[in-house]
């Protein structure tokens, strides 16, 4: 692996490990490759659940936005979200962990489009999201 790719992966792990919102929701980076990222998030009854004891849609949307943003960053680009949508397909019970998998489907100079799947602990699709991100800069190896 080339040193600039290794540097970027390590840098992203460090900055997202320090991110207060990522820490609040207890998201963890599982893997980073260029344009493909996986994160996990526990679904805790006292933090991530709605009044029915299932994962709150806002928590899943936050996970989707985060995993798609990290996928953009894995291409070396700093981004902000322009728009995103999410389709909730299946409820996820509190007490489990979800896996978010994001892939860049368009890596342009000004915008990046990413799709993300969020699966329950049995690997069943719980939500699907797509986002468009505005490129505002690059990550540089200082």
C-alpha atoms as a PDB file:
ATOM      1  CA  UNK A   1       0.000   0.000   0.000  1.00  0.00           C
ATOM      2  CA  UNK A   2       1.338   3.434  -0.845  1.00  0.00           C
ATOM      3  CA  UNK A   3       2.259   5.745   2.023  1.00  0.00           C
ATOM      4  CA  UNK A   4      -0.196   8.530   1.106  1.00  0.00           C
ATOM      5  CA  UNK A   5      -3.094   6.031   1.192  1.00  0.00           C
ATOM      6  CA  UNK A   6      -1.878   4.665   4.531  1.00  0.00           C
ATOM      7  CA  UNK A   7      -1.521   8.216   5.877  1.00  0.00           C
ATOM      8  CA  UNK A   8      -5.065   9.121   4.786  1.00  0.00           C
ATOM      9  CA  UNK A   9      -6.590   5.992   6.321  1.00  0.00           C
ATOM     10  CA  UNK A  10      -4.787   6.597   9.626  1.00  0.00           C
ATOM     11  CA  UNK A  11      -5.671  10.309   9.579  1.00  0.00           C
ATOM     12  CA  UNK A  12      -9.368   9.551   9.023  1.00  0.00           C
ATOM     13  CA  UNK A  13      -9.384   6.988  11.849  1.00  0.00           C
ATOM     14  CA  UNK A  14      -7.884   9.608  14.171  1.00  0.00           C
ATOM     15  CA  UNK A  15     -10.189  12.496  13.254  1.00  0.00           C
ATOM     16  CA  UNK A  16     -13.364  10.410  13.405  1.00  0.00           C
ATOM     17  CA  UNK A  17     -12.293   8.811  16.712  1.00  0.00           C
ATOM     18  CA  UNK A  18     -12.118  12.378  18.128  1.00  0.00           C
ATOM     19  CA  UNK A  19     -15.360  13.625  16.542  1.00  0.00           C
ATOM     20  CA  UNK A  20     -17.788  14.469  19.381  1.00  0.00           C
ATOM     21  CA  UNK A  21     -20.951  13.485  17.483  1.00  0.00           C
ATOM     22  CA  UNK A  22     -19.455  10.183  16.317  1.00  0.00           C
ATOM     23  CA  UNK A  23     -18.425   9.505  19.926  1.00  0.00           C
ATOM     24  CA  UNK A  24     -21.873  10.467  21.261  1.00  0.00           C
ATOM     25  CA  UNK A  25     -23.589   7.915  19.016  1.00  0.00           C
ATOM     26  CA  UNK A  26     -20.747   5.388  19.584  1.00  0.00           C
ATOM     27  CA  UNK A  27     -20.030   4.831  15.890  1.00  0.00           C
ATOM     28  CA  UNK A  28     -16.903   2.835  15.073  1.00  0.00           C
ATOM     29  CA  UNK A  29     -14.998   2.627  11.803  1.00  0.00           C
ATOM     30  CA  UNK A  30     -14.667  -1.027  10.783  1.00  0.00           C
ATOM     31  CA  UNK A  31     -12.862  -0.607   7.465  1.00  0.00           C
ATOM     32  CA  UNK A  32     -11.650   2.111   5.125  1.00  0.00           C
ATOM     33  CA  UNK A  33     -10.673   1.607   1.489  1.00  0.00           C
ATOM     34  CA  UNK A  34     -10.759   4.244  -1.222  1.00  0.00           C
ATOM     35  CA  UNK A  35     -14.435   4.912  -1.913  1.00  0.00           C
ATOM     36  CA  UNK A  36     -15.698   2.132   0.386  1.00  0.00           C
ATOM     37  CA  UNK A  37     -16.189   2.435   4.146  1.00  0.00           C
ATOM     38  CA  UNK A  38     -17.936   0.446   6.881  1.00  0.00           C
ATOM     39  CA  UNK A  39     -19.048   1.705  10.298  1.00  0.00           C
ATOM     40  CA  UNK A  40     -20.930   0.069  13.155  1.00  0.00           C
ATOM     41  CA  UNK A  41     -23.231   1.604  15.745  1.00  0.00           C
ATOM     42  CA  UNK A  42     -24.874  -0.069  18.729  1.00  0.00           C
ATOM     43  CA  UNK A  43     -28.606   0.461  19.122  1.00  0.00           C
ATOM     44  CA  UNK A  44     -28.905   1.248  22.832  1.00  0.00           C
ATOM     45  CA  UNK A  45     -32.346   1.639  24.405  1.00  0.00           C
ATOM     46  CA  UNK A  46     -31.279   4.724  26.383  1.00  0.00           C
ATOM     47  CA  UNK A  47     -29.534   6.486  23.499  1.00  0.00           C
ATOM     48  CA  UNK A  48     -30.533   5.330  20.006  1.00  0.00           C
ATOM     49  CA  UNK A  49     -34.082   3.985  20.392  1.00  0.00           C
ATOM     50  CA  UNK A  50     -37.494   5.468  19.711  1.00  0.00           C
ATOM     51  CA  UNK A  51     -40.514   5.023  21.987  1.00  0.00           C
ATOM     52  CA  UNK A  52     -41.196   1.603  20.442  1.00  0.00           C
ATOM     53  CA  UNK A  53     -37.796   0.201  21.458  1.00  0.00           C
ATOM     54  CA  UNK A  54     -36.415   0.205  17.913  1.00  0.00           C
ATOM     55  CA  UNK A  55     -33.581   2.220  16.381  1.00  0.00           C
ATOM     56  CA  UNK A  56     -34.653   5.850  15.987  1.00  0.00           C
ATOM     57  CA  UNK A  57     -34.753   6.998  12.360  1.00  0.00           C
ATOM     58  CA  UNK A  58     -32.644  10.033  13.237  1.00  0.00           C
ATOM     59  CA  UNK A  59     -29.880   7.839  14.673  1.00  0.00           C
ATOM     60  CA  UNK A  60     -29.857   5.708  11.518  1.00  0.00           C
ATOM     61  CA  UNK A  61     -29.861   8.842   9.329  1.00  0.00           C
ATOM     62  CA  UNK A  62     -26.893  10.182  11.312  1.00  0.00           C
ATOM     63  CA  UNK A  63     -25.067   6.894  10.769  1.00  0.00           C
ATOM     64  CA  UNK A  64     -25.844   6.998   7.031  1.00  0.00           C
ATOM     65  CA  UNK A  65     -24.656  10.607   6.690  1.00  0.00           C
ATOM     66  CA  UNK A  66     -21.479   9.826   8.626  1.00  0.00           C
ATOM     67  CA  UNK A  67     -20.538   6.648   6.736  1.00  0.00           C
ATOM     68  CA  UNK A  68     -21.155   8.376   3.395  1.00  0.00           C
ATOM     69  CA  UNK A  69     -19.059  11.373   4.502  1.00  0.00           C
ATOM     70  CA  UNK A  70     -16.194   9.084   5.511  1.00  0.00           C
ATOM     71  CA  UNK A  71     -16.467   7.330   2.125  1.00  0.00           C
ATOM     72  CA  UNK A  72     -15.983  10.728   0.453  1.00  0.00           C
ATOM     73  CA  UNK A  73     -13.057  11.475   2.763  1.00  0.00           C
ATOM     74  CA  UNK A  74     -11.503   8.109   1.848  1.00  0.00           C
ATOM     75  CA  UNK A  75     -11.090   9.566  -1.663  1.00  0.00           C
ATOM     76  CA  UNK A  76      -8.991  12.352  -0.126  1.00  0.00           C
ATOM     77  CA  UNK A  77     -11.717  14.999  -0.334  1.00  0.00           C
ATOM     78  CA  UNK A  78     -13.230  17.236   2.336  1.00  0.00           C
ATOM     79  CA  UNK A  79     -16.983  17.471   1.852  1.00  0.00           C
ATOM     80  CA  UNK A  80     -20.235  18.801   3.242  1.00  0.00           C
ATOM     81  CA  UNK A  81     -23.621  17.210   2.646  1.00  0.00           C
ATOM     82  CA  UNK A  82     -25.760  18.852  -0.042  1.00  0.00           C
ATOM     83  CA  UNK A  83     -28.668  16.423   0.254  1.00  0.00           C
ATOM     84  CA  UNK A  84     -29.444  12.905   1.343  1.00  0.00           C
ATOM     85  CA  UNK A  85     -32.413  10.599   1.491  1.00  0.00           C
ATOM     86  CA  UNK A  86     -33.030   7.468   3.466  1.00  0.00           C
ATOM     87  CA  UNK A  87     -35.550   4.669   3.065  1.00  0.00           C
ATOM     88  CA  UNK A  88     -36.340   2.738   6.234  1.00  0.00           C
ATOM     89  CA  UNK A  89     -36.992  -0.854   5.264  1.00  0.00           C
ATOM     90  CA  UNK A  90     -36.987  -2.844   8.496  1.00  0.00           C
ATOM     91  CA  UNK A  91     -37.010  -2.010  12.192  1.00  0.00           C
ATOM     92  CA  UNK A  92     -33.923  -2.746  14.277  1.00  0.00           C
ATOM     93  CA  UNK A  93     -34.409  -3.695  17.933  1.00  0.00           C
ATOM     94  CA  UNK A  94     -32.492  -2.013  20.717  1.00  0.00           C
ATOM     95  CA  UNK A  95     -29.707  -4.171  22.103  1.00  0.00           C
ATOM     96  CA  UNK A  96     -28.211  -4.993  18.707  1.00  0.00           C
ATOM     97  CA  UNK A  97     -25.535  -3.451  16.496  1.00  0.00           C
ATOM     98  CA  UNK A  98     -26.030  -2.177  12.956  1.00  0.00           C
ATOM     99  CA  UNK A  99     -23.451  -2.146  10.158  1.00  0.00           C
ATOM    100  CA  UNK A 100     -23.372   0.701   7.637  1.00  0.00           C
ATOM    101  CA  UNK A 101     -21.639   0.080   4.303  1.00  0.00           C
ATOM    102  CA  UNK A 102     -21.047   3.044   1.963  1.00  0.00           C
ATOM    103  CA  UNK A 103     -19.729   3.104  -1.593  1.00  0.00           C
ATOM    104  CA  UNK A 104     -18.898   6.107  -3.755  1.00  0.00           C
ATOM    105  CA  UNK A 105     -20.788   5.842  -7.044  1.00  0.00           C
ATOM    106  CA  UNK A 106     -19.668   9.182  -8.538  1.00  0.00           C
ATOM    107  CA  UNK A 107     -16.406  10.913  -7.612  1.00  0.00           C
ATOM    108  CA  UNK A 108     -16.416  14.268  -9.375  1.00  0.00           C
ATOM    109  CA  UNK A 109     -14.381  17.447  -8.985  1.00  0.00           C
ATOM    110  CA  UNK A 110     -17.231  19.369  -7.352  1.00  0.00           C
ATOM    111  CA  UNK A 111     -19.642  16.696  -6.114  1.00  0.00           C
ATOM    112  CA  UNK A 112     -19.550  13.121  -4.894  1.00  0.00           C
ATOM    113  CA  UNK A 113     -22.543  10.756  -4.827  1.00  0.00           C
ATOM    114  CA  UNK A 114     -22.565   7.906  -2.325  1.00  0.00           C
ATOM    115  CA  UNK A 115     -24.935   5.051  -1.503  1.00  0.00           C
ATOM    116  CA  UNK A 116     -25.142   3.379   1.902  1.00  0.00           C
ATOM    117  CA  UNK A 117     -26.826   0.251   3.204  1.00  0.00           C
ATOM    118  CA  UNK A 118     -27.518  -0.217   6.904  1.00  0.00           C
ATOM    119  CA  UNK A 119     -27.980  -3.836   7.949  1.00  0.00           C
ATOM    120  CA  UNK A 120     -29.083  -5.393  11.226  1.00  0.00           C
ATOM    121  CA  UNK A 121     -27.000  -7.913  13.167  1.00  0.00           C
ATOM    122  CA  UNK A 122     -28.350 -10.748  10.963  1.00  0.00           C
ATOM    123  CA  UNK A 123     -27.217  -8.938   7.806  1.00  0.00           C
ATOM    124  CA  UNK A 124     -30.766  -7.982   6.753  1.00  0.00           C
ATOM    125  CA  UNK A 125     -31.213  -4.609   5.082  1.00  0.00           C
ATOM    126  CA  UNK A 126     -32.757  -2.111   7.525  1.00  0.00           C
ATOM    127  CA  UNK A 127     -32.248   1.153   5.609  1.00  0.00           C
ATOM    128  CA  UNK A 128     -30.865   2.405   2.305  1.00  0.00           C
ATOM    129  CA  UNK A 129     -29.529   5.913   1.763  1.00  0.00           C
ATOM    130  CA  UNK A 130     -28.056   8.042  -0.997  1.00  0.00           C
ATOM    131  CA  UNK A 131     -26.318  11.377  -0.586  1.00  0.00           C
ATOM    132  CA  UNK A 132     -24.738  14.111  -2.662  1.00  0.00           C
ATOM    133  CA  UNK A 133     -21.746  15.893  -1.179  1.00  0.00           C
ATOM    134  CA  UNK A 134     -20.031  19.160  -2.137  1.00  0.00           C
ATOM    135  CA  UNK A 135     -16.238  18.996  -2.348  1.00  0.00           C
ATOM    136  CA  UNK A 136     -14.788  21.883  -0.292  1.00  0.00           C
ATOM    137  CA  UNK A 137     -11.126  20.836  -0.230  1.00  0.00           C
ATOM    138  CA  UNK A 138      -8.665  17.985  -0.006  1.00  0.00           C
ATOM    139  CA  UNK A 139      -6.925  16.125   2.781  1.00  0.00           C
ATOM    140  CA  UNK A 140      -3.211  16.833   2.458  1.00  0.00           C
ATOM    141  CA  UNK A 141      -0.397  14.871   4.080  1.00  0.00           C
ATOM    142  CA  UNK A 142       1.213  17.603   6.156  1.00  0.00           C
END
